[in-house]
Structures are given as C-alpha cells and as structure tokens.
N, C-alpha and C. Protein backbone atom coordinates (compact mmCIF):
# COMPACT_ATOMS: atom_id res chain seq x y z
N MET A 1 -48.23 42.83 52.81
CA MET A 1 -46.97 42.99 53.50
C MET A 1 -47.25 43.22 54.98
N LYS A 2 -46.49 42.54 55.81
CA LYS A 2 -46.66 42.68 57.25
C LYS A 2 -46.06 43.98 57.75
N SER A 3 -46.66 44.49 58.82
CA SER A 3 -46.06 45.66 59.47
C SER A 3 -44.86 45.19 60.28
N ILE A 4 -44.02 46.12 60.68
CA ILE A 4 -42.84 45.76 61.47
C ILE A 4 -43.26 45.12 62.79
N GLU A 5 -44.37 45.61 63.36
CA GLU A 5 -44.85 45.04 64.62
C GLU A 5 -45.28 43.58 64.43
N GLU A 6 -46.01 43.31 63.34
CA GLU A 6 -46.45 41.94 63.06
C GLU A 6 -45.26 41.02 62.82
N GLU A 7 -44.28 41.52 62.10
CA GLU A 7 -43.10 40.71 61.80
C GLU A 7 -42.33 40.37 63.08
N ILE A 8 -42.16 41.34 63.95
CA ILE A 8 -41.46 41.09 65.22
C ILE A 8 -42.24 40.09 66.06
N ARG A 9 -43.56 40.24 66.11
CA ARG A 9 -44.37 39.29 66.88
C ARG A 9 -44.24 37.87 66.32
N SER A 10 -44.20 37.74 65.00
CA SER A 10 -44.06 36.39 64.42
C SER A 10 -42.67 35.80 64.72
N ILE A 11 -41.64 36.63 64.74
CA ILE A 11 -40.30 36.16 65.11
C ILE A 11 -40.29 35.68 66.56
N ILE A 12 -40.90 36.46 67.43
CA ILE A 12 -40.98 36.09 68.85
C ILE A 12 -41.71 34.76 69.01
N LYS A 13 -42.82 34.60 68.28
CA LYS A 13 -43.59 33.36 68.37
C LYS A 13 -42.77 32.17 67.87
N ARG A 14 -42.06 32.35 66.73
CA ARG A 14 -41.23 31.26 66.19
C ARG A 14 -40.12 30.86 67.16
N LYS A 15 -39.57 31.86 67.85
CA LYS A 15 -38.48 31.56 68.79
C LYS A 15 -39.00 31.01 70.11
N GLY A 16 -40.31 31.15 70.35
CA GLY A 16 -40.90 30.60 71.57
C GLY A 16 -40.52 31.37 72.83
N ILE A 17 -40.32 32.67 72.69
CA ILE A 17 -39.96 33.51 73.83
C ILE A 17 -41.18 34.33 74.23
N SER A 18 -41.40 34.49 75.52
CA SER A 18 -42.54 35.29 75.97
C SER A 18 -42.19 36.77 75.97
N LEU A 19 -43.22 37.58 75.80
CA LEU A 19 -43.02 39.04 75.89
C LEU A 19 -42.52 39.41 77.29
N TYR A 20 -43.02 38.70 78.29
CA TYR A 20 -42.58 38.97 79.67
C TYR A 20 -41.07 38.77 79.80
N ARG A 21 -40.55 37.67 79.24
CA ARG A 21 -39.10 37.37 79.33
C ARG A 21 -38.30 38.45 78.60
N ILE A 22 -38.75 38.83 77.41
CA ILE A 22 -38.03 39.86 76.65
C ILE A 22 -38.03 41.17 77.41
N ALA A 23 -39.19 41.57 77.92
CA ALA A 23 -39.31 42.83 78.66
C ALA A 23 -38.39 42.81 79.89
N LYS A 24 -38.42 41.71 80.62
CA LYS A 24 -37.59 41.61 81.82
C LYS A 24 -36.11 41.70 81.47
N ASP A 25 -35.68 40.98 80.43
CA ASP A 25 -34.28 41.00 80.03
C ASP A 25 -33.84 42.37 79.51
N LEU A 26 -34.78 43.11 78.89
CA LEU A 26 -34.45 44.44 78.37
C LEU A 26 -34.61 45.54 79.41
N GLY A 27 -35.18 45.20 80.56
CA GLY A 27 -35.35 46.19 81.62
C GLY A 27 -36.49 47.16 81.36
N ILE A 28 -37.52 46.69 80.64
CA ILE A 28 -38.70 47.52 80.40
C ILE A 28 -39.92 46.77 80.91
N THR A 29 -41.05 47.45 81.00
CA THR A 29 -42.25 46.77 81.49
C THR A 29 -42.89 45.97 80.36
N TRP A 30 -43.61 44.92 80.77
CA TRP A 30 -44.32 44.10 79.81
C TRP A 30 -45.35 44.95 79.05
N GLU A 31 -46.03 45.83 79.78
CA GLU A 31 -47.06 46.67 79.18
C GLU A 31 -46.48 47.56 78.08
N SER A 32 -45.31 48.12 78.35
CA SER A 32 -44.66 48.99 77.37
C SER A 32 -44.30 48.21 76.11
N LEU A 33 -43.75 47.02 76.28
CA LEU A 33 -43.40 46.19 75.13
C LEU A 33 -44.65 45.77 74.37
N HIS A 34 -45.67 45.36 75.10
CA HIS A 34 -46.92 44.94 74.47
C HIS A 34 -47.53 46.08 73.66
N ARG A 35 -47.56 47.28 74.21
CA ARG A 35 -48.10 48.45 73.49
C ARG A 35 -47.27 48.74 72.23
N SER A 36 -45.97 48.57 72.31
CA SER A 36 -45.10 48.83 71.17
C SER A 36 -45.34 47.86 70.02
N LEU A 37 -45.78 46.65 70.33
CA LEU A 37 -45.92 45.62 69.31
C LEU A 37 -47.37 45.41 68.86
N LYS A 38 -48.28 46.28 69.32
CA LYS A 38 -49.67 46.20 68.85
C LYS A 38 -49.74 46.71 67.41
N ASN A 39 -50.71 46.22 66.65
CA ASN A 39 -50.91 46.72 65.28
C ASN A 39 -51.20 48.21 65.32
N GLY A 40 -50.51 48.96 64.47
CA GLY A 40 -50.73 50.40 64.38
C GLY A 40 -50.17 51.18 65.55
N ALA A 41 -49.26 50.58 66.31
CA ALA A 41 -48.74 51.23 67.51
C ALA A 41 -47.76 52.35 67.19
N ASN A 42 -47.12 52.28 66.04
CA ASN A 42 -46.10 53.27 65.66
C ASN A 42 -45.00 53.39 66.73
N PRO A 43 -44.30 52.27 67.00
CA PRO A 43 -43.28 52.29 68.05
C PRO A 43 -42.07 53.13 67.64
N LYS A 44 -41.35 53.58 68.63
CA LYS A 44 -40.13 54.35 68.38
C LYS A 44 -39.05 53.42 67.83
N TRP A 45 -38.19 53.99 66.99
CA TRP A 45 -37.12 53.22 66.38
C TRP A 45 -36.22 52.57 67.44
N ASP A 46 -35.95 53.28 68.52
CA ASP A 46 -35.08 52.74 69.57
C ASP A 46 -35.64 51.43 70.14
N ARG A 47 -36.94 51.38 70.32
CA ARG A 47 -37.56 50.17 70.87
C ARG A 47 -37.50 49.03 69.85
N ILE A 48 -37.76 49.33 68.60
CA ILE A 48 -37.67 48.30 67.56
C ILE A 48 -36.26 47.73 67.51
N LYS A 49 -35.27 48.62 67.49
CA LYS A 49 -33.87 48.19 67.43
C LYS A 49 -33.51 47.36 68.66
N GLN A 50 -33.96 47.78 69.81
CA GLN A 50 -33.68 47.07 71.06
C GLN A 50 -34.22 45.64 71.01
N VAL A 51 -35.45 45.49 70.55
CA VAL A 51 -36.07 44.16 70.48
C VAL A 51 -35.40 43.31 69.40
N LEU A 52 -35.12 43.91 68.24
CA LEU A 52 -34.46 43.15 67.17
C LEU A 52 -33.07 42.69 67.59
N ASP A 53 -32.33 43.53 68.28
CA ASP A 53 -31.01 43.13 68.80
C ASP A 53 -31.15 41.95 69.76
N TYR A 54 -32.13 42.02 70.63
CA TYR A 54 -32.38 40.94 71.58
C TYR A 54 -32.66 39.63 70.85
N LEU A 55 -33.43 39.72 69.76
CA LEU A 55 -33.81 38.53 69.00
C LEU A 55 -32.73 38.09 68.02
N ASP A 56 -31.62 38.83 67.99
CA ASP A 56 -30.51 38.56 67.08
C ASP A 56 -30.91 38.75 65.61
N TYR A 57 -31.66 39.82 65.36
CA TYR A 57 -32.06 40.22 64.02
C TYR A 57 -31.58 41.64 63.77
N GLU A 58 -31.55 42.01 62.49
CA GLU A 58 -31.20 43.38 62.14
C GLU A 58 -32.20 43.90 61.12
N PHE A 59 -32.35 45.18 61.07
CA PHE A 59 -33.26 45.84 60.14
C PHE A 59 -32.43 46.35 58.97
N VAL A 60 -32.80 45.96 57.74
CA VAL A 60 -32.03 46.34 56.56
C VAL A 60 -32.95 47.10 55.61
N ILE A 61 -32.45 48.22 55.11
CA ILE A 61 -33.19 48.99 54.11
C ILE A 61 -32.40 48.88 52.81
N ARG A 62 -33.11 48.52 51.75
CA ARG A 62 -32.45 48.39 50.44
C ARG A 62 -33.39 48.93 49.38
N PRO A 63 -32.85 49.33 48.25
CA PRO A 63 -33.71 49.83 47.18
C PRO A 63 -34.59 48.72 46.63
N LYS A 64 -35.74 49.11 46.10
CA LYS A 64 -36.61 48.14 45.48
C LYS A 64 -35.94 47.58 44.24
N ARG A 65 -36.23 46.35 43.95
CA ARG A 65 -35.70 45.73 42.74
C ARG A 65 -36.57 46.17 41.58
N LYS A 66 -35.90 46.62 40.53
CA LYS A 66 -36.62 47.03 39.34
C LYS A 66 -36.74 45.83 38.41
N GLU A 67 -37.88 45.75 37.75
CA GLU A 67 -38.10 44.69 36.79
C GLU A 67 -37.26 44.99 35.55
N VAL A 68 -36.48 44.03 35.13
CA VAL A 68 -35.64 44.21 33.96
C VAL A 68 -36.44 43.86 32.73
N LYS A 69 -36.58 44.83 31.83
CA LYS A 69 -37.31 44.62 30.59
C LYS A 69 -36.32 44.54 29.44
N PRO A 70 -36.57 43.66 28.49
CA PRO A 70 -35.67 43.57 27.34
C PRO A 70 -35.70 44.88 26.55
N GLU A 71 -34.60 45.15 25.86
CA GLU A 71 -34.50 46.41 25.11
C GLU A 71 -35.57 46.50 24.04
N ASN A 72 -35.80 45.43 23.34
CA ASN A 72 -36.89 45.44 22.36
C ASN A 72 -37.85 44.31 22.72
N SER A 73 -39.08 44.49 22.36
CA SER A 73 -40.08 43.51 22.75
C SER A 73 -40.26 42.40 21.72
N LYS A 74 -39.46 42.40 20.65
CA LYS A 74 -39.56 41.36 19.64
C LYS A 74 -38.98 40.06 20.19
N PRO A 75 -39.59 38.93 19.82
CA PRO A 75 -39.02 37.65 20.28
C PRO A 75 -37.65 37.44 19.64
N PRO A 76 -36.72 36.80 20.34
CA PRO A 76 -35.38 36.61 19.79
C PRO A 76 -35.42 35.71 18.56
N GLN A 77 -34.59 36.04 17.59
CA GLN A 77 -34.49 35.23 16.38
C GLN A 77 -33.66 33.99 16.67
N SER A 78 -33.83 32.99 15.83
CA SER A 78 -32.99 31.81 15.99
C SER A 78 -31.56 32.24 15.68
N ARG A 79 -30.59 31.49 16.14
CA ARG A 79 -29.19 31.85 15.92
C ARG A 79 -28.87 31.87 14.42
N ARG A 80 -29.44 30.93 13.67
CA ARG A 80 -29.18 30.88 12.23
C ARG A 80 -29.70 32.15 11.57
N LYS A 81 -30.91 32.53 11.88
CA LYS A 81 -31.48 33.74 11.29
C LYS A 81 -30.67 34.96 11.70
N GLU A 82 -30.19 34.94 12.93
CA GLU A 82 -29.38 36.05 13.43
C GLU A 82 -28.09 36.17 12.62
N ARG A 83 -27.42 35.02 12.38
CA ARG A 83 -26.17 35.04 11.62
C ARG A 83 -26.42 35.43 10.17
N GLU A 84 -27.54 34.92 9.61
CA GLU A 84 -27.88 35.25 8.22
C GLU A 84 -28.10 36.75 8.07
N SER A 85 -28.75 37.33 9.05
CA SER A 85 -29.03 38.76 8.95
C SER A 85 -27.76 39.60 9.06
N HIS A 86 -26.70 39.02 9.64
CA HIS A 86 -25.43 39.73 9.76
C HIS A 86 -24.46 39.36 8.64
N GLY A 87 -24.87 38.47 7.74
CA GLY A 87 -24.04 38.12 6.59
C GLY A 87 -23.00 37.05 6.88
N ASN A 88 -23.04 36.37 7.99
CA ASN A 88 -22.06 35.34 8.29
C ASN A 88 -22.35 34.03 7.57
N ILE A 89 -23.60 33.78 7.24
CA ILE A 89 -23.97 32.57 6.53
C ILE A 89 -24.67 33.00 5.24
N GLN A 90 -24.26 32.39 4.15
CA GLN A 90 -24.90 32.70 2.87
C GLN A 90 -25.88 31.60 2.53
N LYS A 91 -27.01 31.98 1.99
CA LYS A 91 -28.01 31.00 1.60
C LYS A 91 -27.56 30.35 0.31
N LYS A 92 -27.92 29.06 0.17
CA LYS A 92 -27.63 28.36 -1.08
C LYS A 92 -28.54 28.89 -2.15
N LYS A 93 -28.02 28.97 -3.38
CA LYS A 93 -28.82 29.45 -4.51
C LYS A 93 -29.31 28.32 -5.34
C-alpha cells in the first residue's frame, strides 16, 4: 500500500504539474512542499488537504470491507435435493 505522500506524488506526475507550480499557486515555498511529500515526511493534515484540494481530489475514510463467509461451510445441495429434504417432492416407490 502506498503512503499518502507517494499517492499524492503519483497524482501530480499523472497530471503533469510541477511541484514549483503547485507551491507557487498555493503561496508556499517549493522546499516546504517538497519536504512534505518526501517518503516518511509525516506532513500535517492541513498541507495534505491543501494539495489535494488543488489537485481536485478528496481524502475519504471508510471502514474496511469484511469478507462475507457463508453461514455453513457445506456445499449447497442441488435444488431437487433441497426440495426433497423439505418434503415438497416425493420419491417414486
């Protein structure tokens, strides 16, 4: 999984925008932006939000998806066997 800094850098690269242009438009120094986006930089949330807004992205937090497991681990019976077991179909004698 990519860090937030790596993900932002890849978005910037895909959009073809320079860090200098982003920094200038946001009114911050290039050095400050560069330091914020280094691996392991631990940037402040305000800076992340500022850059994401500039790039027209948003940060979303959602719960992890849980794997849905069937109630029983037995393979499903055929429909005929299922009906027979419930008495809807009688076997020929």
